[in-house]
Amino acid sequence: MVWLKKEILFILSLLFLGLLSCKNKVENSKNEEIEEVIEVTITDKITLFFENLKTWNEENTVQINQLGKEISTFDSTLQFYPNTNTYDDNSFIFSSLKEENLTIFKNHPFLEEDEPHQFSSYKVWRKKVNNRKILDLSIEPHPTLNWIFVIRKREQE
């Protein structure tokens, strides 16, 4: 009789451990599904970049620089230069060997909502920032960087 009780307890213990491990596997698979859903794309980063540009000031310049670096790590055809660059001080620059590589910016809804000013070999979009300043966003050829997408802050005209 004692052996029967021990066997029943042993069997119940194994059953309990088996069910417990199944529960952990289900929870782990749910966590993996959640992690898969939260995948960030380059378009998400560009959207955040443009959102921060709308309120560009000294406080969020570091964040804009960080987002620019993250965008260039997503797309190896792009090179990012922060606002302290030597090419055009106080502007953000993305450069590429080919103009086509910059279409990810040109086709973004932030720029698509306005018609660009088209000149011979470049395009310029103008956006208001903080209702005082104007952003010039342009895709243009550059003598050493090949093609650039540059964001400059202008005074109100």
N, C-alpha and C. Protein backbone atom coordinates (compact mmCIF):
# COMPACT_ATOMS: atom_id res chain seq x y z
N MET A 1 0.82 -1.19 0.00
CA MET A 1 0.00 0.00 0.00
C MET A 1 0.86 1.26 0.00
N VAL A 2 1.96 1.26 0.76
CA VAL A 2 2.86 2.40 0.82
C VAL A 2 3.50 2.62 -0.55
N TRP A 3 3.88 1.50 -1.21
CA TRP A 3 4.49 1.60 -2.53
C TRP A 3 3.52 2.18 -3.55
N LEU A 4 2.27 1.86 -3.44
CA LEU A 4 1.25 2.36 -4.35
C LEU A 4 1.11 3.87 -4.20
N LYS A 5 1.13 4.37 -2.95
CA LYS A 5 1.03 5.81 -2.72
C LYS A 5 2.26 6.53 -3.29
N LYS A 6 3.44 5.92 -3.09
CA LYS A 6 4.67 6.53 -3.61
C LYS A 6 4.64 6.58 -5.13
N GLU A 7 4.15 5.52 -5.78
CA GLU A 7 4.07 5.48 -7.23
C GLU A 7 3.08 6.53 -7.74
N ILE A 8 1.97 6.67 -7.07
CA ILE A 8 0.96 7.67 -7.47
C ILE A 8 1.54 9.08 -7.32
N LEU A 9 2.23 9.36 -6.21
CA LEU A 9 2.85 10.67 -6.02
C LEU A 9 3.93 10.93 -7.07
N PHE A 10 4.70 9.89 -7.39
CA PHE A 10 5.75 10.02 -8.40
C PHE A 10 5.14 10.34 -9.77
N ILE A 11 4.09 9.63 -10.14
CA ILE A 11 3.41 9.84 -11.41
C ILE A 11 2.79 11.23 -11.46
N LEU A 12 2.17 11.66 -10.38
CA LEU A 12 1.57 13.00 -10.33
C LEU A 12 2.65 14.08 -10.42
N SER A 13 3.80 13.86 -9.81
CA SER A 13 4.91 14.81 -9.87
C SER A 13 5.41 14.95 -11.30
N LEU A 14 5.58 13.83 -11.98
CA LEU A 14 6.02 13.88 -13.37
C LEU A 14 5.00 14.59 -14.25
N LEU A 15 3.73 14.31 -14.03
CA LEU A 15 2.67 14.96 -14.78
C LEU A 15 2.68 16.47 -14.53
N PHE A 16 2.87 16.87 -13.27
CA PHE A 16 2.91 18.29 -12.92
C PHE A 16 4.10 18.98 -13.59
N LEU A 17 5.28 18.37 -13.55
CA LEU A 17 6.47 18.94 -14.19
C LEU A 17 6.30 19.03 -15.71
N GLY A 18 5.69 18.03 -16.28
CA GLY A 18 5.44 18.04 -17.72
C GLY A 18 4.52 19.17 -18.12
N LEU A 19 3.45 19.37 -17.38
CA LEU A 19 2.51 20.46 -17.68
C LEU A 19 3.17 21.82 -17.46
N LEU A 20 4.01 21.93 -16.44
CA LEU A 20 4.70 23.18 -16.15
C LEU A 20 5.66 23.54 -17.29
N SER A 21 6.37 22.57 -17.83
CA SER A 21 7.29 22.86 -18.94
C SER A 21 6.52 23.24 -20.20
N CYS A 22 5.34 22.64 -20.41
CA CYS A 22 4.52 23.01 -21.56
C CYS A 22 4.05 24.46 -21.44
N LYS A 23 3.70 24.87 -20.24
CA LYS A 23 3.25 26.24 -20.01
C LYS A 23 4.36 27.22 -20.34
N ASN A 24 5.60 26.92 -19.92
CA ASN A 24 6.74 27.78 -20.21
C ASN A 24 7.00 27.88 -21.70
N LYS A 25 6.84 26.77 -22.44
CA LYS A 25 7.04 26.79 -23.88
C LYS A 25 6.00 27.67 -24.56
N VAL A 26 4.74 27.61 -24.11
CA VAL A 26 3.67 28.42 -24.67
C VAL A 26 3.96 29.90 -24.40
N GLU A 27 4.39 30.24 -23.18
CA GLU A 27 4.68 31.63 -22.85
C GLU A 27 5.86 32.13 -23.66
N ASN A 28 6.89 31.30 -23.84
CA ASN A 28 8.05 31.72 -24.64
C ASN A 28 7.66 31.94 -26.09
N SER A 29 6.80 31.10 -26.65
CA SER A 29 6.39 31.28 -28.04
C SER A 29 5.54 32.53 -28.19
N LYS A 30 4.73 32.87 -27.18
CA LYS A 30 3.96 34.11 -27.24
C LYS A 30 4.89 35.31 -27.22
N ASN A 31 5.94 35.28 -26.38
CA ASN A 31 6.90 36.38 -26.32
C ASN A 31 7.64 36.52 -27.65
N GLU A 32 7.99 35.39 -28.28
CA GLU A 32 8.66 35.44 -29.57
C GLU A 32 7.76 36.05 -30.63
N GLU A 33 6.46 35.73 -30.60
CA GLU A 33 5.53 36.31 -31.55
C GLU A 33 5.44 37.82 -31.36
N ILE A 34 5.42 38.28 -30.11
CA ILE A 34 5.36 39.71 -29.84
C ILE A 34 6.61 40.39 -30.35
N GLU A 35 7.79 39.80 -30.14
CA GLU A 35 9.03 40.37 -30.61
C GLU A 35 9.07 40.46 -32.13
N GLU A 36 8.51 39.49 -32.81
CA GLU A 36 8.49 39.51 -34.26
C GLU A 36 7.62 40.63 -34.79
N VAL A 37 6.55 40.97 -34.11
CA VAL A 37 5.61 41.99 -34.55
C VAL A 37 6.23 43.38 -34.43
N ILE A 38 7.14 43.60 -33.48
CA ILE A 38 7.70 44.92 -33.21
C ILE A 38 8.95 45.17 -34.04
N GLU A 39 9.00 44.73 -35.26
CA GLU A 39 10.15 44.95 -36.12
C GLU A 39 10.10 46.37 -36.68
N VAL A 40 11.17 47.12 -36.50
CA VAL A 40 11.25 48.50 -36.95
C VAL A 40 11.86 48.52 -38.35
N THR A 41 11.26 49.32 -39.22
CA THR A 41 11.74 49.42 -40.60
C THR A 41 12.45 50.76 -40.82
N ILE A 42 13.10 50.87 -41.95
CA ILE A 42 13.78 52.12 -42.28
C ILE A 42 12.76 53.24 -42.47
N THR A 43 11.58 52.90 -42.98
CA THR A 43 10.53 53.91 -43.14
C THR A 43 10.10 54.46 -41.80
N ASP A 44 10.02 53.60 -40.77
CA ASP A 44 9.69 54.07 -39.42
C ASP A 44 10.74 55.05 -38.92
N LYS A 45 12.00 54.74 -39.15
CA LYS A 45 13.10 55.62 -38.71
C LYS A 45 13.05 56.95 -39.46
N ILE A 46 12.77 56.90 -40.75
CA ILE A 46 12.70 58.14 -41.53
C ILE A 46 11.52 58.98 -41.06
N THR A 47 10.41 58.33 -40.73
CA THR A 47 9.25 59.06 -40.21
C THR A 47 9.61 59.76 -38.89
N LEU A 48 10.28 59.05 -38.00
CA LEU A 48 10.74 59.67 -36.75
C LEU A 48 11.71 60.82 -37.02
N PHE A 49 12.58 60.63 -37.97
CA PHE A 49 13.54 61.66 -38.35
C PHE A 49 12.81 62.93 -38.79
N PHE A 50 11.83 62.78 -39.69
CA PHE A 50 11.06 63.93 -40.17
C PHE A 50 10.22 64.56 -39.05
N GLU A 51 9.65 63.74 -38.18
CA GLU A 51 8.86 64.27 -37.05
C GLU A 51 9.73 65.15 -36.15
N ASN A 52 10.96 64.72 -35.91
CA ASN A 52 11.87 65.52 -35.09
C ASN A 52 12.31 66.78 -35.83
N LEU A 53 12.40 66.72 -37.15
CA LEU A 53 12.76 67.91 -37.92
C LEU A 53 11.68 68.99 -37.83
N LYS A 54 10.43 68.58 -37.68
CA LYS A 54 9.33 69.55 -37.57
C LYS A 54 9.51 70.47 -36.38
N THR A 55 10.18 69.99 -35.35
CA THR A 55 10.40 70.80 -34.15
C THR A 55 11.90 70.97 -33.89
N TRP A 56 12.68 71.04 -34.94
CA TRP A 56 14.13 71.11 -34.83
C TRP A 56 14.55 72.30 -33.97
N ASN A 57 15.24 71.99 -32.88
CA ASN A 57 15.81 73.01 -32.01
C ASN A 57 17.07 72.43 -31.38
N GLU A 58 17.70 73.18 -30.51
CA GLU A 58 18.96 72.71 -29.93
C GLU A 58 18.77 71.48 -29.05
N GLU A 59 17.61 71.32 -28.45
CA GLU A 59 17.37 70.19 -27.55
C GLU A 59 17.25 68.86 -28.29
N ASN A 60 16.69 68.85 -29.48
CA ASN A 60 16.50 67.56 -30.16
C ASN A 60 17.50 67.31 -31.29
N THR A 61 18.52 68.15 -31.41
CA THR A 61 19.54 67.96 -32.44
C THR A 61 20.28 66.64 -32.25
N VAL A 62 20.58 66.29 -31.01
CA VAL A 62 21.29 65.03 -30.74
C VAL A 62 20.43 63.84 -31.17
N GLN A 63 19.13 63.92 -30.91
CA GLN A 63 18.23 62.83 -31.29
C GLN A 63 18.13 62.72 -32.82
N ILE A 64 18.07 63.86 -33.50
CA ILE A 64 18.03 63.85 -34.96
C ILE A 64 19.31 63.22 -35.52
N ASN A 65 20.46 63.60 -34.95
CA ASN A 65 21.73 62.99 -35.38
C ASN A 65 21.72 61.48 -35.18
N GLN A 66 21.19 61.02 -34.05
CA GLN A 66 21.14 59.59 -33.77
C GLN A 66 20.24 58.86 -34.77
N LEU A 67 19.08 59.45 -35.07
CA LEU A 67 18.18 58.83 -36.04
C LEU A 67 18.83 58.77 -37.43
N GLY A 68 19.57 59.80 -37.79
CA GLY A 68 20.27 59.80 -39.07
C GLY A 68 21.28 58.67 -39.15
N LYS A 69 22.02 58.45 -38.07
CA LYS A 69 22.98 57.35 -38.04
C LYS A 69 22.27 56.01 -38.17
N GLU A 70 21.13 55.87 -37.47
CA GLU A 70 20.37 54.61 -37.54
C GLU A 70 19.85 54.36 -38.95
N ILE A 71 19.41 55.41 -39.63
CA ILE A 71 18.91 55.26 -41.00
C ILE A 71 20.05 54.77 -41.91
N SER A 72 21.23 55.34 -41.74
CA SER A 72 22.35 54.93 -42.60
C SER A 72 22.81 53.50 -42.29
N THR A 73 22.56 53.01 -41.07
CA THR A 73 22.89 51.60 -40.80
C THR A 73 21.87 50.66 -41.42
N PHE A 74 20.62 51.12 -41.57
CA PHE A 74 19.60 50.31 -42.24
C PHE A 74 19.93 50.17 -43.73
N ASP A 75 20.40 51.24 -44.35
CA ASP A 75 20.66 51.25 -45.78
C ASP A 75 22.14 51.55 -46.02
N SER A 76 22.88 50.55 -46.44
CA SER A 76 24.32 50.71 -46.60
C SER A 76 24.70 51.62 -47.76
N THR A 77 23.75 51.98 -48.62
CA THR A 77 24.06 52.88 -49.73
C THR A 77 24.07 54.34 -49.29
N LEU A 78 23.63 54.60 -48.05
CA LEU A 78 23.56 55.97 -47.54
C LEU A 78 24.66 56.22 -46.52
N GLN A 79 25.19 57.42 -46.56
CA GLN A 79 26.17 57.89 -45.58
C GLN A 79 25.55 59.12 -44.91
N PHE A 80 25.59 59.19 -43.58
CA PHE A 80 24.99 60.31 -42.86
C PHE A 80 26.06 61.22 -42.30
N TYR A 81 25.82 62.53 -42.42
CA TYR A 81 26.69 63.55 -41.84
C TYR A 81 25.85 64.39 -40.88
N PRO A 82 26.22 64.44 -39.60
CA PRO A 82 25.42 65.19 -38.62
C PRO A 82 25.50 66.69 -38.85
N ASN A 83 24.77 67.44 -38.03
CA ASN A 83 24.67 68.89 -38.24
C ASN A 83 25.99 69.63 -38.02
N THR A 84 26.99 68.97 -37.48
CA THR A 84 28.30 69.60 -37.29
C THR A 84 29.28 69.19 -38.39
N ASN A 85 28.78 68.81 -39.54
CA ASN A 85 29.63 68.33 -40.63
C ASN A 85 30.43 69.48 -41.25
N THR A 86 31.48 69.14 -41.96
CA THR A 86 32.33 70.16 -42.57
C THR A 86 31.85 70.58 -43.96
N TYR A 87 30.89 69.87 -44.53
CA TYR A 87 30.41 70.19 -45.86
C TYR A 87 29.42 71.35 -45.84
N ASP A 88 28.50 71.32 -44.90
CA ASP A 88 27.46 72.35 -44.79
C ASP A 88 27.07 72.42 -43.33
N ASP A 89 27.73 73.30 -42.59
CA ASP A 89 27.54 73.38 -41.14
C ASP A 89 26.08 73.70 -40.80
N ASN A 90 25.61 73.11 -39.72
CA ASN A 90 24.24 73.28 -39.21
C ASN A 90 23.20 72.75 -40.21
N SER A 91 23.54 71.67 -40.87
CA SER A 91 22.58 70.98 -41.73
C SER A 91 22.85 69.49 -41.63
N PHE A 92 21.83 68.70 -41.92
CA PHE A 92 21.95 67.25 -41.90
C PHE A 92 22.06 66.78 -43.34
N ILE A 93 22.98 65.86 -43.60
CA ILE A 93 23.22 65.41 -44.97
C ILE A 93 23.24 63.89 -45.04
N PHE A 94 22.53 63.36 -46.03
CA PHE A 94 22.65 61.95 -46.41
C PHE A 94 23.27 61.97 -47.80
N SER A 95 24.32 61.20 -48.00
CA SER A 95 24.93 61.15 -49.32
C SER A 95 24.85 59.73 -49.87
N SER A 96 24.94 59.66 -51.19
CA SER A 96 24.90 58.37 -51.87
C SER A 96 25.59 58.50 -53.22
N LEU A 97 26.05 57.37 -53.74
CA LEU A 97 26.69 57.38 -55.05
C LEU A 97 25.70 57.64 -56.17
N LYS A 98 24.44 57.20 -55.97
CA LYS A 98 23.42 57.33 -57.01
C LYS A 98 22.21 58.09 -56.48
N GLU A 99 21.62 58.87 -57.32
CA GLU A 99 20.43 59.64 -56.95
C GLU A 99 19.27 58.72 -56.58
N GLU A 100 19.16 57.56 -57.23
CA GLU A 100 18.06 56.63 -56.98
C GLU A 100 18.03 56.15 -55.53
N ASN A 101 19.19 56.11 -54.89
CA ASN A 101 19.23 55.64 -53.50
C ASN A 101 18.59 56.63 -52.53
N LEU A 102 18.34 57.85 -52.99
CA LEU A 102 17.72 58.86 -52.14
C LEU A 102 16.20 58.93 -52.33
N THR A 103 15.66 58.09 -53.19
CA THR A 103 14.21 58.11 -53.43
C THR A 103 13.41 57.70 -52.20
N ILE A 104 14.02 57.01 -51.26
CA ILE A 104 13.31 56.63 -50.04
C ILE A 104 12.88 57.88 -49.27
N PHE A 105 13.64 58.95 -49.39
CA PHE A 105 13.25 60.23 -48.77
C PHE A 105 12.23 60.94 -49.65
N LYS A 106 12.50 60.98 -50.95
CA LYS A 106 11.63 61.68 -51.89
C LYS A 106 10.22 61.10 -51.90
N ASN A 107 10.09 59.78 -51.71
CA ASN A 107 8.78 59.12 -51.75
C ASN A 107 8.10 59.05 -50.39
N HIS A 108 8.70 59.61 -49.37
CA HIS A 108 8.09 59.60 -48.04
C HIS A 108 6.92 60.58 -48.00
N PRO A 109 5.84 60.24 -47.29
CA PRO A 109 4.66 61.12 -47.23
C PRO A 109 4.97 62.54 -46.75
N PHE A 110 5.99 62.71 -45.92
CA PHE A 110 6.35 64.04 -45.44
C PHE A 110 6.71 64.97 -46.60
N LEU A 111 7.38 64.44 -47.60
CA LEU A 111 7.76 65.25 -48.76
C LEU A 111 6.74 65.15 -49.89
N GLU A 112 6.06 64.03 -49.98
CA GLU A 112 5.09 63.85 -51.07
C GLU A 112 3.90 64.79 -50.96
N GLU A 113 3.59 65.26 -49.76
CA GLU A 113 2.43 66.14 -49.60
C GLU A 113 2.64 67.50 -50.23
N ASP A 114 3.87 67.88 -50.50
CA ASP A 114 4.18 69.15 -51.15
C ASP A 114 4.87 68.90 -52.48
N GLU A 115 4.62 69.77 -53.41
CA GLU A 115 5.28 69.67 -54.70
C GLU A 115 6.66 70.33 -54.60
N PRO A 116 7.70 69.66 -55.04
CA PRO A 116 9.04 70.26 -54.94
C PRO A 116 9.25 71.33 -56.00
N HIS A 117 10.17 72.23 -55.72
CA HIS A 117 10.64 73.18 -56.72
C HIS A 117 11.72 72.46 -57.49
N GLN A 118 11.51 72.32 -58.78
CA GLN A 118 12.43 71.55 -59.61
C GLN A 118 13.36 72.51 -60.34
N PHE A 119 14.64 72.26 -60.20
CA PHE A 119 15.64 73.00 -60.95
C PHE A 119 16.37 72.01 -61.83
N SER A 120 17.34 72.44 -62.58
CA SER A 120 17.95 71.58 -63.59
C SER A 120 18.30 70.19 -63.07
N SER A 121 19.09 70.10 -62.00
CA SER A 121 19.50 68.77 -61.55
C SER A 121 19.17 68.51 -60.08
N TYR A 122 18.32 69.33 -59.50
CA TYR A 122 17.98 69.08 -58.10
C TYR A 122 16.55 69.52 -57.79
N LYS A 123 16.06 69.02 -56.64
CA LYS A 123 14.70 69.32 -56.18
C LYS A 123 14.79 69.90 -54.78
N VAL A 124 13.91 70.85 -54.48
CA VAL A 124 13.89 71.47 -53.15
C VAL A 124 12.45 71.48 -52.64
N TRP A 125 12.29 71.03 -51.40
CA TRP A 125 11.03 71.11 -50.70
C TRP A 125 11.20 72.14 -49.58
N ARG A 126 10.16 72.95 -49.33
CA ARG A 126 10.24 73.93 -48.25
C ARG A 126 9.14 73.63 -47.25
N LYS A 127 9.55 73.56 -45.96
CA LYS A 127 8.62 73.25 -44.87
C LYS A 127 8.82 74.25 -43.76
N LYS A 128 7.72 74.62 -43.10
CA LYS A 128 7.82 75.50 -41.94
C LYS A 128 8.13 74.70 -40.69
N VAL A 129 8.98 75.27 -39.83
CA VAL A 129 9.37 74.64 -38.57
C VAL A 129 9.09 75.63 -37.45
N ASN A 130 8.36 75.19 -36.45
CA ASN A 130 8.04 76.01 -35.29
C ASN A 130 7.38 77.34 -35.69
N ASN A 131 6.74 77.38 -36.84
CA ASN A 131 6.05 78.56 -37.37
C ASN A 131 6.95 79.78 -37.50
N ARG A 132 8.27 79.59 -37.45
CA ARG A 132 9.19 80.71 -37.58
C ARG A 132 10.24 80.46 -38.65
N LYS A 133 10.79 79.30 -38.65
CA LYS A 133 11.89 78.98 -39.56
C LYS A 133 11.36 78.16 -40.73
N ILE A 134 12.17 78.09 -41.74
CA ILE A 134 11.81 77.30 -42.92
C ILE A 134 12.89 76.25 -43.12
N LEU A 135 12.46 75.04 -43.39
CA LEU A 135 13.39 73.97 -43.73
C LEU A 135 13.49 73.87 -45.24
N ASP A 136 14.70 73.82 -45.72
CA ASP A 136 14.95 73.48 -47.11
C ASP A 136 15.43 72.05 -47.13
N LEU A 137 14.70 71.19 -47.80
CA LEU A 137 15.08 69.79 -47.96
C LEU A 137 15.33 69.61 -49.45
N SER A 138 16.52 69.20 -49.80
CA SER A 138 16.82 69.10 -51.23
C SER A 138 17.63 67.86 -51.56
N ILE A 139 17.41 67.40 -52.77
CA ILE A 139 18.22 66.34 -53.35
C ILE A 139 18.98 67.00 -54.50
N GLU A 140 20.31 66.94 -54.39
CA GLU A 140 21.12 67.69 -55.34
C GLU A 140 22.46 66.99 -55.57
N PRO A 141 23.10 67.30 -56.70
CA PRO A 141 24.44 66.75 -56.92
C PRO A 141 25.46 67.50 -56.06
N HIS A 142 26.53 66.81 -55.71
CA HIS A 142 27.59 67.40 -54.90
C HIS A 142 28.93 67.03 -55.53
N PRO A 143 29.89 67.95 -55.56
CA PRO A 143 31.15 67.65 -56.25
C PRO A 143 31.95 66.50 -55.66
N THR A 144 31.88 66.28 -54.35
CA THR A 144 32.68 65.20 -53.76
C THR A 144 31.84 64.07 -53.18
N LEU A 145 30.60 64.36 -52.81
CA LEU A 145 29.74 63.34 -52.20
C LEU A 145 28.79 62.68 -53.20
N ASN A 146 28.90 63.05 -54.46
CA ASN A 146 28.05 62.55 -55.55
C ASN A 146 26.64 63.11 -55.44
N TRP A 147 25.72 62.43 -54.74
CA TRP A 147 24.35 62.94 -54.57
C TRP A 147 24.06 63.08 -53.09
N ILE A 148 23.37 64.17 -52.74
CA ILE A 148 23.06 64.40 -51.32
C ILE A 148 21.60 64.75 -51.13
N PHE A 149 21.09 64.34 -50.00
CA PHE A 149 19.80 64.81 -49.49
C PHE A 149 20.18 65.65 -48.28
N VAL A 150 19.95 66.95 -48.37
CA VAL A 150 20.41 67.87 -47.33
C VAL A 150 19.22 68.63 -46.74
N ILE A 151 19.26 68.80 -45.41
CA ILE A 151 18.22 69.52 -44.69
C ILE A 151 18.88 70.73 -44.04
N ARG A 152 18.44 71.93 -44.46
CA ARG A 152 18.98 73.18 -43.92
C ARG A 152 17.86 73.98 -43.28
N LYS A 153 18.22 74.74 -42.27
CA LYS A 153 17.26 75.62 -41.63
C LYS A 153 17.50 77.04 -42.15
N ARG A 154 16.45 77.68 -42.60
CA ARG A 154 16.54 79.04 -43.14
C ARG A 154 15.72 79.98 -42.24
N GLU A 155 16.05 81.24 -42.29
CA GLU A 155 15.26 82.24 -41.59
C GLU A 155 13.99 82.51 -42.40
N GLN A 156 12.98 83.04 -41.74
CA GLN A 156 11.72 83.37 -42.41
C GLN A 156 12.00 84.42 -43.48
N GLU A 157 11.42 84.22 -44.64
CA GLU A 157 11.67 85.15 -45.74
C GLU A 157 10.51 86.10 -45.91
